[in-house]
Amino acid sequence: MEKSIFDIITKAKEILKTLRLSNATIRAYQERSFSPLIKAYKEKGCNIFQPEIMK
């Protein structure tokens, strides 16, 4: 089943919230991890998860 990278990131953020991480910690994940992923996928014109994009 193909998954949108944006859906995966949204789900990851929801999980982080259930772990009771602070908003600042979740923002740090967004800035340091999720934003670069989103940028890479947008540059490739793709939104479906593909591990090879990050290589």
N, C-alpha and C. Protein backbone atom coordinates (compact mmCIF):
# COMPACT_ATOMS: atom_id res chain seq x y z
N MET A 1 0.83 -1.18 0.00
CA MET A 1 0.00 0.00 0.00
C MET A 1 0.88 1.25 0.00
N GLU A 2 0.64 2.13 -0.92
CA GLU A 2 1.42 3.36 -1.00
C GLU A 2 0.94 4.35 0.04
N LYS A 3 1.90 5.00 0.68
CA LYS A 3 1.58 5.99 1.71
C LYS A 3 2.19 7.33 1.33
N SER A 4 1.44 8.37 1.56
CA SER A 4 1.93 9.72 1.36
C SER A 4 2.95 10.05 2.45
N ILE A 5 4.06 10.64 2.07
CA ILE A 5 5.06 11.06 3.06
C ILE A 5 4.44 12.05 4.04
N PHE A 6 3.52 12.85 3.57
CA PHE A 6 2.87 13.84 4.43
C PHE A 6 1.97 13.15 5.47
N ASP A 7 1.29 12.08 5.06
CA ASP A 7 0.48 11.31 6.01
C ASP A 7 1.36 10.62 7.05
N ILE A 8 2.50 10.11 6.60
CA ILE A 8 3.43 9.45 7.52
C ILE A 8 3.95 10.44 8.55
N ILE A 9 4.32 11.62 8.11
CA ILE A 9 4.84 12.64 9.03
C ILE A 9 3.75 13.08 10.00
N THR A 10 2.54 13.26 9.50
CA THR A 10 1.42 13.64 10.38
C THR A 10 1.20 12.58 11.45
N LYS A 11 1.23 11.31 11.05
CA LYS A 11 1.05 10.21 12.01
C LYS A 11 2.19 10.19 13.02
N ALA A 12 3.41 10.41 12.56
CA ALA A 12 4.56 10.44 13.47
C ALA A 12 4.40 11.54 14.51
N LYS A 13 3.94 12.70 14.07
CA LYS A 13 3.74 13.81 15.01
C LYS A 13 2.64 13.48 16.02
N GLU A 14 1.59 12.80 15.57
CA GLU A 14 0.53 12.38 16.50
C GLU A 14 1.08 11.42 17.55
N ILE A 15 1.93 10.50 17.11
CA ILE A 15 2.54 9.54 18.04
C ILE A 15 3.43 10.26 19.03
N LEU A 16 4.21 11.23 18.55
CA LEU A 16 5.07 12.00 19.46
C LEU A 16 4.23 12.69 20.53
N LYS A 17 3.08 13.20 20.15
CA LYS A 17 2.20 13.86 21.13
C LYS A 17 1.69 12.87 22.17
N THR A 18 1.39 11.64 21.74
CA THR A 18 0.90 10.65 22.70
C THR A 18 1.99 10.24 23.68
N LEU A 19 3.24 10.45 23.31
CA LEU A 19 4.37 10.16 24.21
C LEU A 19 4.59 11.28 25.21
N ARG A 20 3.74 12.30 25.11
CA ARG A 20 3.75 13.45 26.01
C ARG A 20 5.04 14.27 25.91
N LEU A 21 5.58 14.33 24.69
CA LEU A 21 6.73 15.19 24.46
C LEU A 21 6.26 16.64 24.47
N SER A 22 7.14 17.52 24.85
CA SER A 22 6.77 18.94 24.89
C SER A 22 6.58 19.47 23.47
N ASN A 23 5.83 20.54 23.36
CA ASN A 23 5.64 21.18 22.06
C ASN A 23 6.97 21.62 21.47
N ALA A 24 7.89 22.07 22.31
CA ALA A 24 9.21 22.50 21.83
C ALA A 24 9.98 21.32 21.23
N THR A 25 9.87 20.15 21.84
CA THR A 25 10.55 18.96 21.32
C THR A 25 9.94 18.55 19.98
N ILE A 26 8.64 18.59 19.89
CA ILE A 26 7.97 18.24 18.63
C ILE A 26 8.34 19.24 17.55
N ARG A 27 8.42 20.52 17.89
CA ARG A 27 8.87 21.54 16.92
C ARG A 27 10.30 21.26 16.46
N ALA A 28 11.15 20.82 17.38
CA ALA A 28 12.54 20.50 17.01
C ALA A 28 12.57 19.35 16.02
N TYR A 29 11.76 18.33 16.25
CA TYR A 29 11.67 17.23 15.28
C TYR A 29 11.19 17.75 13.93
N GLN A 30 10.21 18.65 13.95
CA GLN A 30 9.69 19.21 12.70
C GLN A 30 10.79 19.93 11.94
N GLU A 31 11.53 20.78 12.64
CA GLU A 31 12.56 21.58 11.98
C GLU A 31 13.76 20.76 11.53
N ARG A 32 14.17 19.80 12.34
CA ARG A 32 15.41 19.06 12.06
C ARG A 32 15.21 17.80 11.25
N SER A 33 14.03 17.23 11.31
CA SER A 33 13.81 15.95 10.64
C SER A 33 12.72 16.01 9.57
N PHE A 34 11.54 16.44 9.97
CA PHE A 34 10.42 16.38 9.04
C PHE A 34 10.52 17.40 7.92
N SER A 35 10.94 18.62 8.22
CA SER A 35 11.06 19.65 7.17
C SER A 35 12.04 19.25 6.07
N PRO A 36 13.23 18.71 6.42
CA PRO A 36 14.13 18.26 5.34
C PRO A 36 13.52 17.14 4.49
N LEU A 37 12.76 16.25 5.11
CA LEU A 37 12.09 15.20 4.34
C LEU A 37 11.08 15.79 3.37
N ILE A 38 10.27 16.70 3.87
CA ILE A 38 9.27 17.34 3.02
C ILE A 38 9.94 18.07 1.86
N LYS A 39 11.02 18.78 2.16
CA LYS A 39 11.74 19.51 1.12
C LYS A 39 12.27 18.55 0.05
N ALA A 40 12.87 17.44 0.47
CA ALA A 40 13.42 16.47 -0.48
C ALA A 40 12.33 15.90 -1.38
N TYR A 41 11.20 15.58 -0.80
CA TYR A 41 10.10 15.03 -1.60
C TYR A 41 9.53 16.07 -2.56
N LYS A 42 9.40 17.30 -2.11
CA LYS A 42 8.89 18.36 -2.98
C LYS A 42 9.85 18.61 -4.14
N GLU A 43 11.16 18.59 -3.85
CA GLU A 43 12.16 18.80 -4.92
C GLU A 43 12.08 17.71 -5.97
N LYS A 44 11.73 16.50 -5.56
CA LYS A 44 11.60 15.38 -6.50
C LYS A 44 10.21 15.32 -7.14
N GLY A 45 9.31 16.19 -6.68
CA GLY A 45 7.96 16.19 -7.22
C GLY A 45 7.18 14.94 -6.86
N CYS A 46 7.45 14.43 -5.69
CA CYS A 46 6.84 13.18 -5.26
C CYS A 46 6.23 13.35 -3.87
N ASN A 47 5.15 12.65 -3.61
CA ASN A 47 4.61 12.68 -2.26
C ASN A 47 4.37 11.28 -1.70
N ILE A 48 4.65 10.25 -2.48
CA ILE A 48 4.52 8.87 -2.02
C ILE A 48 5.86 8.43 -1.43
N PHE A 49 5.81 7.79 -0.25
CA PHE A 49 7.02 7.35 0.42
C PHE A 49 7.86 6.46 -0.49
N GLN A 50 9.12 6.84 -0.66
CA GLN A 50 10.09 6.08 -1.44
C GLN A 50 11.44 6.19 -0.75
N PRO A 51 11.91 5.11 -0.11
CA PRO A 51 13.17 5.17 0.64
C PRO A 51 14.35 5.68 -0.19
N GLU A 52 14.36 5.40 -1.49
CA GLU A 52 15.49 5.80 -2.32
C GLU A 52 15.62 7.32 -2.46
N ILE A 53 14.58 8.07 -2.18
CA ILE A 53 14.67 9.54 -2.27
C ILE A 53 15.68 10.07 -1.26
N MET A 54 15.81 9.43 -0.13
CA MET A 54 16.70 9.94 0.92
C MET A 54 18.13 9.45 0.79
N LYS A 55 18.42 8.68 -0.24
CA LYS A 55 19.79 8.19 -0.42
C LYS A 55 20.66 9.21 -1.08
